[in-house]
mmCIF file of all heavy atoms, coordinates in Angstrom:
data_MODEL
# 
_entry.id   MODEL 
# 
loop_
_atom_site.group_PDB 
_atom_site.id 
_atom_site.type_symbol 
_atom_site.label_atom_id 
_atom_site.label_alt_id 
_atom_site.label_comp_id 
_atom_site.label_asym_id 
_atom_site.label_entity_id 
_atom_site.label_seq_id 
_atom_site.pdbx_PDB_ins_code 
_atom_site.Cartn_x 
_atom_site.Cartn_y 
_atom_site.Cartn_z 
_atom_site.occupancy 
_atom_site.B_iso_or_equiv 
_atom_site.pdbx_formal_charge 
_atom_site.auth_seq_id 
_atom_site.auth_comp_id 
_atom_site.auth_asym_id 
_atom_site.auth_atom_id 
_atom_site.pdbx_PDB_model_num 
ATOM 1   N N   . CYS A 1 1  ? -7.127  -13.869 0.497   1.00 0.00 ? 1  CYS A N   1 
ATOM 2   C CA  . CYS A 1 1  ? -6.118  -13.828 1.558   1.00 0.00 ? 1  CYS A CA  1 
ATOM 3   C C   . CYS A 1 1  ? -6.726  -13.489 2.913   1.00 0.00 ? 1  CYS A C   1 
ATOM 4   O O   . CYS A 1 1  ? -6.431  -14.131 3.917   1.00 0.00 ? 1  CYS A O   1 
ATOM 5   C CB  . CYS A 1 1  ? -5.030  -12.826 1.194   1.00 0.00 ? 1  CYS A CB  1 
ATOM 6   S SG  . CYS A 1 1  ? -4.045  -13.305 -0.244  1.00 0.00 ? 1  CYS A SG  1 
ATOM 7   N N   . TRP A 1 2  ? -7.584  -12.478 2.953   1.00 0.00 ? 2  TRP A N   1 
ATOM 8   C CA  . TRP A 1 2  ? -8.200  -12.105 4.220   1.00 0.00 ? 2  TRP A CA  1 
ATOM 9   C C   . TRP A 1 2  ? -9.106  -13.224 4.732   1.00 0.00 ? 2  TRP A C   1 
ATOM 10  O O   . TRP A 1 2  ? -9.199  -13.446 5.938   1.00 0.00 ? 2  TRP A O   1 
ATOM 11  C CB  . TRP A 1 2  ? -8.983  -10.801 4.070   1.00 0.00 ? 2  TRP A CB  1 
ATOM 12  C CG  . TRP A 1 2  ? -8.109  -9.593  3.978   1.00 0.00 ? 2  TRP A CG  1 
ATOM 13  C CD1 . TRP A 1 2  ? -6.780  -9.555  3.665   1.00 0.00 ? 2  TRP A CD1 1 
ATOM 14  C CD2 . TRP A 1 2  ? -8.507  -8.241  4.192   1.00 0.00 ? 2  TRP A CD2 1 
ATOM 15  N NE1 . TRP A 1 2  ? -6.322  -8.261  3.668   1.00 0.00 ? 2  TRP A NE1 1 
ATOM 16  C CE2 . TRP A 1 2  ? -7.351  -7.433  3.978   1.00 0.00 ? 2  TRP A CE2 1 
ATOM 17  C CE3 . TRP A 1 2  ? -9.708  -7.625  4.515   1.00 0.00 ? 2  TRP A CE3 1 
ATOM 18  C CZ2 . TRP A 1 2  ? -7.395  -6.047  4.093   1.00 0.00 ? 2  TRP A CZ2 1 
ATOM 19  C CZ3 . TRP A 1 2  ? -9.744  -6.244  4.648   1.00 0.00 ? 2  TRP A CZ3 1 
ATOM 20  C CH2 . TRP A 1 2  ? -8.597  -5.466  4.433   1.00 0.00 ? 2  TRP A CH2 1 
ATOM 21  N N   . SER A 1 3  ? -9.769  -13.934 3.835   1.00 0.00 ? 3  SER A N   1 
ATOM 22  C CA  . SER A 1 3  ? -10.620 -15.049 4.254   1.00 0.00 ? 3  SER A CA  1 
ATOM 23  C C   . SER A 1 3  ? -9.784  -16.180 4.838   1.00 0.00 ? 3  SER A C   1 
ATOM 24  O O   . SER A 1 3  ? -10.275 -16.988 5.625   1.00 0.00 ? 3  SER A O   1 
ATOM 25  C CB  . SER A 1 3  ? -11.445 -15.565 3.071   1.00 0.00 ? 3  SER A CB  1 
ATOM 26  O OG  . SER A 1 3  ? -12.356 -14.561 2.635   1.00 0.00 ? 3  SER A OG  1 
ATOM 27  N N   . ALA A 1 4  ? -8.504  -16.238 4.443   1.00 0.00 ? 4  ALA A N   1 
ATOM 28  C CA  . ALA A 1 4  ? -7.589  -17.247 4.994   1.00 0.00 ? 4  ALA A CA  1 
ATOM 29  C C   . ALA A 1 4  ? -6.862  -16.722 6.223   1.00 0.00 ? 4  ALA A C   1 
ATOM 30  O O   . ALA A 1 4  ? -5.995  -17.396 6.784   1.00 0.00 ? 4  ALA A O   1 
ATOM 31  C CB  . ALA A 1 4  ? -6.582  -17.660 3.927   1.00 0.00 ? 4  ALA A CB  1 
ATOM 32  N N   . GLY A 1 5  ? -7.189  -15.495 6.658   1.00 0.00 ? 5  GLY A N   1 
ATOM 33  C CA  . GLY A 1 5  ? -6.592  -14.925 7.856   1.00 0.00 ? 5  GLY A CA  1 
ATOM 34  C C   . GLY A 1 5  ? -5.238  -14.305 7.646   1.00 0.00 ? 5  GLY A C   1 
ATOM 35  O O   . GLY A 1 5  ? -4.472  -14.135 8.594   1.00 0.00 ? 5  GLY A O   1 
ATOM 36  N N   . THR A 1 6  ? -4.874  -13.955 6.405   1.00 0.00 ? 6  THR A N   1 
ATOM 37  C CA  . THR A 1 6  ? -3.572  -13.360 6.134   1.00 0.00 ? 6  THR A CA  1 
ATOM 38  C C   . THR A 1 6  ? -3.733  -11.995 5.468   1.00 0.00 ? 6  THR A C   1 
ATOM 39  O O   . THR A 1 6  ? -4.750  -11.705 4.844   1.00 0.00 ? 6  THR A O   1 
ATOM 40  C CB  . THR A 1 6  ? -2.716  -14.257 5.214   1.00 0.00 ? 6  THR A CB  1 
ATOM 41  O OG1 . THR A 1 6  ? -3.340  -14.333 3.924   1.00 0.00 ? 6  THR A OG1 1 
ATOM 42  C CG2 . THR A 1 6  ? -2.583  -15.655 5.788   1.00 0.00 ? 6  THR A CG2 1 
ATOM 43  N N   . ALA A 1 7  ? -2.693  -11.172 5.605   1.00 0.00 ? 7  ALA A N   1 
ATOM 44  C CA  . ALA A 1 7  ? -2.690  -9.848  4.988   1.00 0.00 ? 7  ALA A CA  1 
ATOM 45  C C   . ALA A 1 7  ? -1.245  -9.385  4.868   1.00 0.00 ? 7  ALA A C   1 
ATOM 46  O O   . ALA A 1 7  ? -0.368  -9.865  5.595   1.00 0.00 ? 7  ALA A O   1 
ATOM 47  C CB  . ALA A 1 7  ? -3.481  -8.849  5.832   1.00 0.00 ? 7  ALA A CB  1 
ATOM 48  N N   . THR A 1 8  ? -0.993  -8.474  3.938   1.00 0.00 ? 8  THR A N   1 
ATOM 49  C CA  . THR A 1 8  ? 0.336   -7.872  3.803   1.00 0.00 ? 8  THR A CA  1 
ATOM 50  C C   . THR A 1 8  ? 0.279   -6.487  4.432   1.00 0.00 ? 8  THR A C   1 
ATOM 51  O O   . THR A 1 8  ? -0.382  -5.590  3.916   1.00 0.00 ? 8  THR A O   1 
ATOM 52  C CB  . THR A 1 8  ? 0.755   -7.775  2.325   1.00 0.00 ? 8  THR A CB  1 
ATOM 53  O OG1 . THR A 1 8  ? 0.842   -9.093  1.782   1.00 0.00 ? 8  THR A OG1 1 
ATOM 54  C CG2 . THR A 1 8  ? 2.105   -7.097  2.193   1.00 0.00 ? 8  THR A CG2 1 
ATOM 55  N N   . PHE A 1 9  ? 0.964   -6.326  5.559   1.00 0.00 ? 9  PHE A N   1 
ATOM 56  C CA  . PHE A 1 9  ? 0.911   -5.080  6.307   1.00 0.00 ? 9  PHE A CA  1 
ATOM 57  C C   . PHE A 1 9  ? 1.857   -4.050  5.694   1.00 0.00 ? 9  PHE A C   1 
ATOM 58  O O   . PHE A 1 9  ? 3.015   -4.351  5.408   1.00 0.00 ? 9  PHE A O   1 
ATOM 59  C CB  . PHE A 1 9  ? 1.282   -5.335  7.769   1.00 0.00 ? 9  PHE A CB  1 
ATOM 60  C CG  . PHE A 1 9  ? 0.275   -6.181  8.492   1.00 0.00 ? 9  PHE A CG  1 
ATOM 61  C CD1 . PHE A 1 9  ? 0.426   -7.557  8.547   1.00 0.00 ? 9  PHE A CD1 1 
ATOM 62  C CD2 . PHE A 1 9  ? -0.832  -5.610  9.093   1.00 0.00 ? 9  PHE A CD2 1 
ATOM 63  C CE1 . PHE A 1 9  ? -0.506  -8.349  9.193   1.00 0.00 ? 9  PHE A CE1 1 
ATOM 64  C CE2 . PHE A 1 9  ? -1.769  -6.384  9.745   1.00 0.00 ? 9  PHE A CE2 1 
ATOM 65  C CZ  . PHE A 1 9  ? -1.615  -7.761  9.797   1.00 0.00 ? 9  PHE A CZ  1 
ATOM 66  N N   . MET A 1 10 ? 1.357   -2.839  5.517   1.00 0.00 ? 10 MET A N   1 
ATOM 67  C CA  . MET A 1 10 ? 2.140   -1.759  4.945   1.00 0.00 ? 10 MET A CA  1 
ATOM 68  C C   . MET A 1 10 ? 2.487   -0.764  6.041   1.00 0.00 ? 10 MET A C   1 
ATOM 69  O O   . MET A 1 10 ? 1.601   -0.187  6.670   1.00 0.00 ? 10 MET A O   1 
ATOM 70  C CB  . MET A 1 10 ? 1.356   -1.062  3.823   1.00 0.00 ? 10 MET A CB  1 
ATOM 71  C CG  . MET A 1 10 ? 2.185   -0.038  3.058   1.00 0.00 ? 10 MET A CG  1 
ATOM 72  S SD  . MET A 1 10 ? 1.353   0.545   1.562   1.00 0.00 ? 10 MET A SD  1 
ATOM 73  C CE  . MET A 1 10 ? 0.059   1.577   2.294   1.00 0.00 ? 10 MET A CE  1 
ATOM 74  N N   . ILE A 1 11 ? 3.786   -0.590  6.273   1.00 0.00 ? 11 ILE A N   1 
ATOM 75  C CA  . ILE A 1 11 ? 4.240   0.284   7.354   1.00 0.00 ? 11 ILE A CA  1 
ATOM 76  C C   . ILE A 1 11 ? 4.651   1.651   6.809   1.00 0.00 ? 11 ILE A C   1 
ATOM 77  O O   . ILE A 1 11 ? 4.691   1.870   5.613   1.00 0.00 ? 11 ILE A O   1 
ATOM 78  C CB  . ILE A 1 11 ? 5.389   -0.359  8.146   1.00 0.00 ? 11 ILE A CB  1 
ATOM 79  C CG1 . ILE A 1 11 ? 6.635   -0.525  7.271   1.00 0.00 ? 11 ILE A CG1 1 
ATOM 80  C CG2 . ILE A 1 11 ? 4.964   -1.717  8.708   1.00 0.00 ? 11 ILE A CG2 1 
ATOM 81  C CD1 . ILE A 1 11 ? 7.887   -0.991  8.036   1.00 0.00 ? 11 ILE A CD1 1 
ATOM 82  N N   . LEU A 1 12 ? 4.923   2.559   7.734   1.00 0.00 ? 12 LEU A N   1 
ATOM 83  C CA  . LEU A 1 12 ? 5.369   3.919   7.417   1.00 0.00 ? 12 LEU A CA  1 
ATOM 84  C C   . LEU A 1 12 ? 4.294   4.763   6.735   1.00 0.00 ? 12 LEU A C   1 
ATOM 85  O O   . LEU A 1 12 ? 4.593   5.674   5.964   1.00 0.00 ? 12 LEU A O   1 
ATOM 86  C CB  . LEU A 1 12 ? 6.650   3.881   6.561   1.00 0.00 ? 12 LEU A CB  1 
ATOM 87  C CG  . LEU A 1 12 ? 7.909   3.454   7.322   1.00 0.00 ? 12 LEU A CG  1 
ATOM 88  C CD1 . LEU A 1 12 ? 9.024   3.050   6.367   1.00 0.00 ? 12 LEU A CD1 1 
ATOM 89  C CD2 . LEU A 1 12 ? 8.379   4.587   8.232   1.00 0.00 ? 12 LEU A CD2 1 
ATOM 90  N N   . GLY A 1 13 ? 3.033   4.447   7.058   1.00 0.00 ? 13 GLY A N   1 
ATOM 91  C CA  . GLY A 1 13 ? 1.930   5.259   6.556   1.00 0.00 ? 13 GLY A CA  1 
ATOM 92  C C   . GLY A 1 13 ? 1.379   4.799   5.228   1.00 0.00 ? 13 GLY A C   1 
ATOM 93  O O   . GLY A 1 13 ? 1.745   3.737   4.712   1.00 0.00 ? 13 GLY A O   1 
ATOM 94  N N   . ASP A 1 14 ? 0.490   5.604   4.672   1.00 0.00 ? 14 ASP A N   1 
ATOM 95  C CA  . ASP A 1 14 ? -0.148  5.251   3.396   1.00 0.00 ? 14 ASP A CA  1 
ATOM 96  C C   . ASP A 1 14 ? 0.030   6.354   2.353   1.00 0.00 ? 14 ASP A C   1 
ATOM 97  O O   . ASP A 1 14 ? -0.744  6.447   1.400   1.00 0.00 ? 14 ASP A O   1 
ATOM 98  C CB  . ASP A 1 14 ? -1.633  4.952   3.605   1.00 0.00 ? 14 ASP A CB  1 
ATOM 99  C CG  . ASP A 1 14 ? -2.413  6.144   4.146   1.00 0.00 ? 14 ASP A CG  1 
ATOM 100 O OD1 . ASP A 1 14 ? -1.772  7.131   4.572   1.00 0.00 ? 14 ASP A OD1 1 
ATOM 101 O OD2 . ASP A 1 14 ? -3.654  6.086   4.148   1.00 0.00 ? 14 ASP A OD2 1 
ATOM 102 N N   . LYS A 1 15 ? 1.060   7.189   2.546   1.00 0.00 ? 15 LYS A N   1 
ATOM 103 C CA  . LYS A 1 15 ? 1.365   8.254   1.578   1.00 0.00 ? 15 LYS A CA  1 
ATOM 104 C C   . LYS A 1 15 ? 2.801   8.069   1.113   1.00 0.00 ? 15 LYS A C   1 
ATOM 105 O O   . LYS A 1 15 ? 3.717   7.974   1.928   1.00 0.00 ? 15 LYS A O   1 
ATOM 106 C CB  . LYS A 1 15 ? 1.170   9.634   2.207   1.00 0.00 ? 15 LYS A CB  1 
ATOM 107 C CG  . LYS A 1 15 ? -0.243  9.898   2.724   1.00 0.00 ? 15 LYS A CG  1 
ATOM 108 C CD  . LYS A 1 15 ? -0.327  11.274  3.370   1.00 0.00 ? 15 LYS A CD  1 
ATOM 109 C CE  . LYS A 1 15 ? -1.722  11.528  3.947   1.00 0.00 ? 15 LYS A CE  1 
ATOM 110 N NZ  . LYS A 1 15 ? -1.981  10.674  5.121   1.00 0.00 ? 15 LYS A NZ  1 
ATOM 111 N N   . CYS A 1 16 ? 2.991   8.045   -0.188  1.00 0.00 ? 16 CYS A N   1 
ATOM 112 C CA  . CYS A 1 16 ? 4.290   7.711   -0.759  1.00 0.00 ? 16 CYS A CA  1 
ATOM 113 C C   . CYS A 1 16 ? 4.970   8.947   -1.343  1.00 0.00 ? 16 CYS A C   1 
ATOM 114 O O   . CYS A 1 16 ? 4.301   9.834   -1.886  1.00 0.00 ? 16 CYS A O   1 
ATOM 115 C CB  . CYS A 1 16 ? 4.110   6.655   -1.849  1.00 0.00 ? 16 CYS A CB  1 
ATOM 116 S SG  . CYS A 1 16 ? 5.655   5.955   -2.463  1.00 0.00 ? 16 CYS A SG  1 
ATOM 117 N N   . THR A 1 17 ? 6.301   8.992   -1.243  1.00 0.00 ? 17 THR A N   1 
ATOM 118 C CA  . THR A 1 17 ? 7.040   10.118  -1.802  1.00 0.00 ? 17 THR A CA  1 
ATOM 119 C C   . THR A 1 17 ? 7.300   9.938   -3.299  1.00 0.00 ? 17 THR A C   1 
ATOM 120 O O   . THR A 1 17 ? 7.833   10.840  -3.942  1.00 0.00 ? 17 THR A O   1 
ATOM 121 C CB  . THR A 1 17 ? 8.386   10.300  -1.076  1.00 0.00 ? 17 THR A CB  1 
ATOM 122 O OG1 . THR A 1 17 ? 9.105   9.058   -1.093  1.00 0.00 ? 17 THR A OG1 1 
ATOM 123 C CG2 . THR A 1 17 ? 8.163   10.750  0.354   1.00 0.00 ? 17 THR A CG2 1 
ATOM 124 N N   . ARG A 1 18 ? 6.939   8.792   -3.831  1.00 0.00 ? 18 ARG A N   1 
ATOM 125 C CA  . ARG A 1 18 ? 7.115   8.554   -5.262  1.00 0.00 ? 18 ARG A CA  1 
ATOM 126 C C   . ARG A 1 18 ? 5.747   8.513   -5.947  1.00 0.00 ? 18 ARG A C   1 
ATOM 127 O O   . ARG A 1 18 ? 4.716   8.431   -5.288  1.00 0.00 ? 18 ARG A O   1 
ATOM 128 C CB  . ARG A 1 18 ? 7.906   7.270   -5.509  1.00 0.00 ? 18 ARG A CB  1 
ATOM 129 C CG  . ARG A 1 18 ? 9.285   7.344   -4.849  1.00 0.00 ? 18 ARG A CG  1 
ATOM 130 C CD  . ARG A 1 18 ? 10.191  6.200   -5.198  1.00 0.00 ? 18 ARG A CD  1 
ATOM 131 N NE  . ARG A 1 18 ? 11.456  6.317   -4.473  1.00 0.00 ? 18 ARG A NE  1 
ATOM 132 C CZ  . ARG A 1 18 ? 12.470  5.484   -4.624  1.00 0.00 ? 18 ARG A CZ  1 
ATOM 133 N NH1 . ARG A 1 18 ? 12.390  4.474   -5.486  1.00 0.00 ? 18 ARG A NH1 1 
ATOM 134 N NH2 . ARG A 1 18 ? 13.587  5.665   -3.930  1.00 0.00 ? 18 ARG A NH2 1 
ATOM 135 N N   . ASN A 1 19 ? 5.763   8.564   -7.246  1.00 0.00 ? 19 ASN A N   1 
ATOM 136 C CA  . ASN A 1 19 ? 4.509   8.652   -7.995  1.00 0.00 ? 19 ASN A CA  1 
ATOM 137 C C   . ASN A 1 19 ? 4.525   7.666   -9.157  1.00 0.00 ? 19 ASN A C   1 
ATOM 138 O O   . ASN A 1 19 ? 4.434   8.044   -10.323 1.00 0.00 ? 19 ASN A O   1 
ATOM 139 C CB  . ASN A 1 19 ? 4.310   10.087  -8.511  1.00 0.00 ? 19 ASN A CB  1 
ATOM 140 C CG  . ASN A 1 19 ? 2.950   10.299  -9.129  1.00 0.00 ? 19 ASN A CG  1 
ATOM 141 O OD1 . ASN A 1 19 ? 1.985   9.616   -8.777  1.00 0.00 ? 19 ASN A OD1 1 
ATOM 142 N ND2 . ASN A 1 19 ? 2.856   11.217  -10.066 1.00 0.00 ? 19 ASN A ND2 1 
ATOM 143 N N   . CYS A 1 20 ? 4.665   6.390   -8.817  1.00 0.00 ? 20 CYS A N   1 
ATOM 144 C CA  . CYS A 1 20 ? 4.705   5.353   -9.844  1.00 0.00 ? 20 CYS A CA  1 
ATOM 145 C C   . CYS A 1 20 ? 3.332   5.227   -10.497 1.00 0.00 ? 20 CYS A C   1 
ATOM 146 O O   . CYS A 1 20 ? 2.304   5.174   -9.809  1.00 0.00 ? 20 CYS A O   1 
ATOM 147 C CB  . CYS A 1 20 ? 5.118   4.028   -9.228  1.00 0.00 ? 20 CYS A CB  1 
ATOM 148 S SG  . CYS A 1 20 ? 6.799   4.048   -8.545  1.00 0.00 ? 20 CYS A SG  1 
ATOM 149 N N   . ARG A 1 21 ? 3.325   5.181   -11.810 1.00 0.00 ? 21 ARG A N   1 
ATOM 150 C CA  . ARG A 1 21 ? 2.070   5.274   -12.552 1.00 0.00 ? 21 ARG A CA  1 
ATOM 151 C C   . ARG A 1 21 ? 1.236   4.003   -12.522 1.00 0.00 ? 21 ARG A C   1 
ATOM 152 O O   . ARG A 1 21 ? 0.077   4.005   -12.953 1.00 0.00 ? 21 ARG A O   1 
ATOM 153 C CB  . ARG A 1 21 ? 2.349   5.685   -13.998 1.00 0.00 ? 21 ARG A CB  1 
ATOM 154 C CG  . ARG A 1 21 ? 2.959   7.084   -14.114 1.00 0.00 ? 21 ARG A CG  1 
ATOM 155 C CD  . ARG A 1 21 ? 2.893   7.595   -15.521 1.00 0.00 ? 21 ARG A CD  1 
ATOM 156 N NE  . ARG A 1 21 ? 1.512   7.696   -15.988 1.00 0.00 ? 21 ARG A NE  1 
ATOM 157 C CZ  . ARG A 1 21 ? 1.119   7.411   -17.222 1.00 0.00 ? 21 ARG A CZ  1 
ATOM 158 N NH1 . ARG A 1 21 ? 1.999   6.990   -18.115 1.00 0.00 ? 21 ARG A NH1 1 
ATOM 159 N NH2 . ARG A 1 21 ? -0.141  7.539   -17.574 1.00 0.00 ? 21 ARG A NH2 1 
ATOM 160 N N   . PHE A 1 22 ? 1.780   2.906   -12.007 1.00 0.00 ? 22 PHE A N   1 
ATOM 161 C CA  . PHE A 1 22 ? 1.019   1.657   -11.908 1.00 0.00 ? 22 PHE A CA  1 
ATOM 162 C C   . PHE A 1 22 ? 0.391   1.481   -10.530 1.00 0.00 ? 22 PHE A C   1 
ATOM 163 O O   . PHE A 1 22 ? -0.407  0.577   -10.325 1.00 0.00 ? 22 PHE A O   1 
ATOM 164 C CB  . PHE A 1 22 ? 1.928   0.455   -12.187 1.00 0.00 ? 22 PHE A CB  1 
ATOM 165 C CG  . PHE A 1 22 ? 3.029   0.287   -11.178 1.00 0.00 ? 22 PHE A CG  1 
ATOM 166 C CD1 . PHE A 1 22 ? 2.827   -0.433  -10.016 1.00 0.00 ? 22 PHE A CD1 1 
ATOM 167 C CD2 . PHE A 1 22 ? 4.267   0.858   -11.389 1.00 0.00 ? 22 PHE A CD2 1 
ATOM 168 C CE1 . PHE A 1 22 ? 3.836   -0.579  -9.077  1.00 0.00 ? 22 PHE A CE1 1 
ATOM 169 C CE2 . PHE A 1 22 ? 5.288   0.723   -10.455 1.00 0.00 ? 22 PHE A CE2 1 
ATOM 170 C CZ  . PHE A 1 22 ? 5.071   -0.002  -9.298  1.00 0.00 ? 22 PHE A CZ  1 
ATOM 171 N N   . CYS A 1 23 ? 0.742   2.344   -9.573  1.00 0.00 ? 23 CYS A N   1 
ATOM 172 C CA  . CYS A 1 23 ? 0.431   2.115   -8.163  1.00 0.00 ? 23 CYS A CA  1 
ATOM 173 C C   . CYS A 1 23 ? -0.761  2.944   -7.693  1.00 0.00 ? 23 CYS A C   1 
ATOM 174 O O   . CYS A 1 23 ? -0.937  4.094   -8.103  1.00 0.00 ? 23 CYS A O   1 
ATOM 175 C CB  . CYS A 1 23 ? 1.665   2.438   -7.321  1.00 0.00 ? 23 CYS A CB  1 
ATOM 176 S SG  . CYS A 1 23 ? 1.477   2.025   -5.578  1.00 0.00 ? 23 CYS A SG  1 
ATOM 177 N N   . TYR A 1 24 ? -1.537  2.352   -6.777  1.00 0.00 ? 24 TYR A N   1 
ATOM 178 C CA  . TYR A 1 24 ? -2.746  2.992   -6.253  1.00 0.00 ? 24 TYR A CA  1 
ATOM 179 C C   . TYR A 1 24 ? -2.469  3.823   -4.996  1.00 0.00 ? 24 TYR A C   1 
ATOM 180 O O   . TYR A 1 24 ? -3.290  4.620   -4.578  1.00 0.00 ? 24 TYR A O   1 
ATOM 181 C CB  . TYR A 1 24 ? -3.781  1.905   -5.931  1.00 0.00 ? 24 TYR A CB  1 
ATOM 182 C CG  . TYR A 1 24 ? -5.198  2.399   -5.746  1.00 0.00 ? 24 TYR A CG  1 
ATOM 183 C CD1 . TYR A 1 24 ? -5.829  3.149   -6.734  1.00 0.00 ? 24 TYR A CD1 1 
ATOM 184 C CD2 . TYR A 1 24 ? -5.911  2.087   -4.591  1.00 0.00 ? 24 TYR A CD2 1 
ATOM 185 C CE1 . TYR A 1 24 ? -7.141  3.580   -6.572  1.00 0.00 ? 24 TYR A CE1 1 
ATOM 186 C CE2 . TYR A 1 24 ? -7.222  2.511   -4.431  1.00 0.00 ? 24 TYR A CE2 1 
ATOM 187 C CZ  . TYR A 1 24 ? -7.827  3.259   -5.421  1.00 0.00 ? 24 TYR A CZ  1 
ATOM 188 O OH  . TYR A 1 24 ? -9.121  3.685   -5.270  1.00 0.00 ? 24 TYR A OH  1 
ATOM 189 N N   . VAL A 1 25 ? -1.285  3.598   -4.382  1.00 0.00 ? 25 VAL A N   1 
ATOM 190 C CA  . VAL A 1 25 ? -0.950  4.331   -3.161  1.00 0.00 ? 25 VAL A CA  1 
ATOM 191 C C   . VAL A 1 25 ? -0.795  5.813   -3.491  1.00 0.00 ? 25 VAL A C   1 
ATOM 192 O O   . VAL A 1 25 ? -0.161  6.185   -4.475  1.00 0.00 ? 25 VAL A O   1 
ATOM 193 C CB  . VAL A 1 25 ? 0.346   3.785   -2.536  1.00 0.00 ? 25 VAL A CB  1 
ATOM 194 C CG1 . VAL A 1 25 ? 0.717   4.589   -1.291  1.00 0.00 ? 25 VAL A CG1 1 
ATOM 195 C CG2 . VAL A 1 25 ? 0.179   2.311   -2.176  1.00 0.00 ? 25 VAL A CG2 1 
ATOM 196 N N   . GLU A 1 26 ? -1.357  6.671   -2.647  1.00 0.00 ? 26 GLU A N   1 
ATOM 197 C CA  . GLU A 1 26 ? -1.336  8.101   -2.906  1.00 0.00 ? 26 GLU A CA  1 
ATOM 198 C C   . GLU A 1 26 ? 0.070   8.677   -2.835  1.00 0.00 ? 26 GLU A C   1 
ATOM 199 O O   . GLU A 1 26 ? 0.864   8.316   -1.967  1.00 0.00 ? 26 GLU A O   1 
ATOM 200 C CB  . GLU A 1 26 ? -2.224  8.835   -1.892  1.00 0.00 ? 26 GLU A CB  1 
ATOM 201 C CG  . GLU A 1 26 ? -3.707  8.604   -2.085  1.00 0.00 ? 26 GLU A CG  1 
ATOM 202 C CD  . GLU A 1 26 ? -4.521  9.476   -1.152  1.00 0.00 ? 26 GLU A CD  1 
ATOM 203 O OE1 . GLU A 1 26 ? -4.435  9.252   0.074   1.00 0.00 ? 26 GLU A OE1 1 
ATOM 204 O OE2 . GLU A 1 26 ? -5.224  10.379  -1.641  1.00 0.00 ? 26 GLU A OE2 1 
ATOM 205 N N   . SER A 1 27 ? 0.376   9.580   -3.755  1.00 0.00 ? 27 SER A N   1 
ATOM 206 C CA  . SER A 1 27 ? 1.645   10.295  -3.736  1.00 0.00 ? 27 SER A CA  1 
ATOM 207 C C   . SER A 1 27 ? 1.411   11.664  -3.096  1.00 0.00 ? 27 SER A C   1 
ATOM 208 O O   . SER A 1 27 ? 0.976   12.612  -3.754  1.00 0.00 ? 27 SER A O   1 
ATOM 209 C CB  . SER A 1 27 ? 2.193   10.453  -5.155  1.00 0.00 ? 27 SER A CB  1 
ATOM 210 O OG  . SER A 1 27 ? 3.393   11.190  -5.141  1.00 0.00 ? 27 SER A OG  1 
ATOM 211 N N   . LEU A 1 28 ? 1.669   11.736  -1.792  1.00 0.00 ? 28 LEU A N   1 
ATOM 212 C CA  . LEU A 1 28 ? 1.448   12.954  -1.020  1.00 0.00 ? 28 LEU A CA  1 
ATOM 213 C C   . LEU A 1 28 ? 2.573   13.115  -0.006  1.00 0.00 ? 28 LEU A C   1 
ATOM 214 O O   . LEU A 1 28 ? 3.355   12.181  0.220   1.00 0.00 ? 28 LEU A O   1 
ATOM 215 C CB  . LEU A 1 28 ? 0.101   12.870  -0.269  1.00 0.00 ? 28 LEU A CB  1 
ATOM 216 C CG  . LEU A 1 28 ? -1.177  12.803  -1.114  1.00 0.00 ? 28 LEU A CG  1 
ATOM 217 C CD1 . LEU A 1 28 ? -2.349  12.462  -0.219  1.00 0.00 ? 28 LEU A CD1 1 
ATOM 218 C CD2 . LEU A 1 28 ? -1.408  14.125  -1.826  1.00 0.00 ? 28 LEU A CD2 1 
# 
């Protein structure tokens, strides 16, 4: 995707209030 010039932008920071066990985003 990045080589094609595209990306999925994630807003509202990179710390999540949930703690889903499949997800790599930090729960902080």
